[in-house]
Amino acid sequence: METEANKTLVRAYVEAFNRFDMAARRELFAADARVYGVLGYGGLDDVEPIWRELHEGMNTDLEILDIAAEGRNVVVRLKRALFRLLSWSRWS
């Protein structure tokens, strides 16, 4: 059951990412979580401004193509869609 719960957690993260819902993303992490990325690592207070800049600057969506899990480990293959069309755009 832990495996399915962990996959659900990853899906919730992707959904929160796509909604730009920082509060929901924070709730998915332990209070003392360390987030590792291209720019280094830090706590949630350190990485949230970077996440915000990425969302505002890139306006991306993530799509889960594949997800596999065993125990506490989850692996995800994602597709990143750049530059989401604005709702008022003539192309939407």
Protein backbone atom coordinates (compact mmCIF):
# COMPACT_ATOMS: atom_id res chain seq x y z
CA MET A 1 0.00 0.00 0.00
CA GLU A 2 2.92 2.35 0.68
CA THR A 3 3.89 2.14 -2.99
CA GLU A 4 0.51 3.40 -4.24
CA ALA A 5 0.46 6.15 -1.59
CA ASN A 6 3.87 7.37 -2.78
CA LYS A 7 2.73 7.41 -6.41
CA THR A 8 -0.33 9.40 -5.34
CA LEU A 9 1.96 11.88 -3.56
CA VAL A 10 4.02 12.39 -6.72
CA ARG A 11 0.87 12.90 -8.80
CA ALA A 12 -0.36 15.48 -6.26
CA TYR A 13 2.97 17.31 -6.59
CA VAL A 14 2.66 17.47 -10.38
CA GLU A 15 -0.94 18.69 -10.13
CA ALA A 16 0.06 21.41 -7.63
CA PHE A 17 2.99 22.37 -9.88
CA ASN A 18 0.66 22.78 -12.86
CA ARG A 19 -1.75 24.94 -10.82
CA PHE A 20 1.14 27.10 -9.52
CA ASP A 21 -0.15 26.24 -6.04
CA MET A 22 2.84 26.87 -3.78
CA ALA A 23 0.89 26.22 -0.58
CA ALA A 24 -0.21 22.79 -1.80
CA ARG A 25 3.35 21.95 -2.86
CA ARG A 26 4.72 22.92 0.56
CA GLU A 27 2.19 20.65 2.27
CA LEU A 28 3.59 17.66 0.36
CA PHE A 29 7.04 18.08 1.94
CA ALA A 30 8.22 17.47 5.49
CA ALA A 31 8.94 20.71 7.36
CA ASP A 32 12.69 19.95 7.35
CA ALA A 33 12.87 18.76 3.71
CA ARG A 34 15.95 19.52 1.63
CA VAL A 35 15.28 20.10 -2.07
CA TYR A 36 18.12 19.41 -4.51
CA GLY A 37 18.23 20.99 -7.95
CA VAL A 38 20.42 22.54 -10.62
CA LEU A 39 21.12 25.62 -8.47
CA GLY A 40 22.09 23.60 -5.40
CA TYR A 41 19.91 22.66 -2.46
CA GLY A 42 18.06 24.19 0.44
CA GLY A 43 14.99 24.14 2.60
CA LEU A 44 11.54 25.06 1.35
CA ASP A 45 12.04 28.73 2.25
CA ASP A 46 15.17 28.71 0.07
CA VAL A 47 13.69 26.99 -2.97
CA GLU A 48 10.22 28.53 -3.06
CA PRO A 49 11.45 31.83 -4.60
CA ILE A 50 13.24 29.81 -7.29
CA TRP A 51 10.10 27.78 -7.98
CA ARG A 52 8.10 31.00 -8.21
CA GLU A 53 10.55 32.52 -10.72
CA LEU A 54 10.46 29.36 -12.82
CA HIS A 55 6.67 29.42 -12.94
CA GLU A 56 6.45 33.12 -13.73
CA GLY A 57 9.27 33.06 -16.26
CA MET A 58 8.71 29.74 -17.99
CA ASN A 59 4.95 29.16 -17.56
CA THR A 60 5.39 25.40 -17.94
CA ASP A 61 3.18 22.37 -17.40
CA LEU A 62 4.32 18.88 -16.48
CA GLU A 63 2.68 15.71 -17.78
CA ILE A 64 3.41 12.30 -16.27
CA LEU A 65 4.23 9.89 -19.09
CA ASP A 66 5.25 6.95 -16.90
CA ILE A 67 5.35 6.32 -13.18
CA ALA A 68 6.85 3.31 -11.41
CA ALA A 69 7.34 2.66 -7.73
CA GLU A 70 8.75 0.10 -5.37
CA GLY A 71 8.49 0.68 -1.64
CA ARG A 72 9.53 4.25 -0.86
CA ASN A 73 11.08 4.89 -4.28
CA VAL A 74 9.15 6.50 -7.14
CA VAL A 75 10.49 7.14 -10.63
CA VAL A 76 8.66 9.43 -13.04
CA ARG A 77 9.16 10.19 -16.71
CA LEU A 78 7.76 13.64 -17.40
CA LYS A 79 6.94 15.68 -20.45
CA ARG A 80 7.38 19.41 -20.00
CA ALA A 81 5.16 21.67 -22.09
CA LEU A 82 6.63 25.14 -22.41
CA PHE A 83 4.72 28.36 -22.66
CA ARG A 84 1.15 27.41 -21.82
CA LEU A 85 -1.31 29.38 -23.96
CA LEU A 86 -3.10 32.14 -22.13
CA SER A 87 -6.86 31.77 -21.83
CA TRP A 88 -7.44 35.00 -23.78
CA SER A 89 -5.11 33.99 -26.58
CA ARG A 90 -6.57 33.67 -30.07
CA TRP A 91 -5.05 30.15 -30.21
CA SER A 92 -6.83 28.76 -27.16
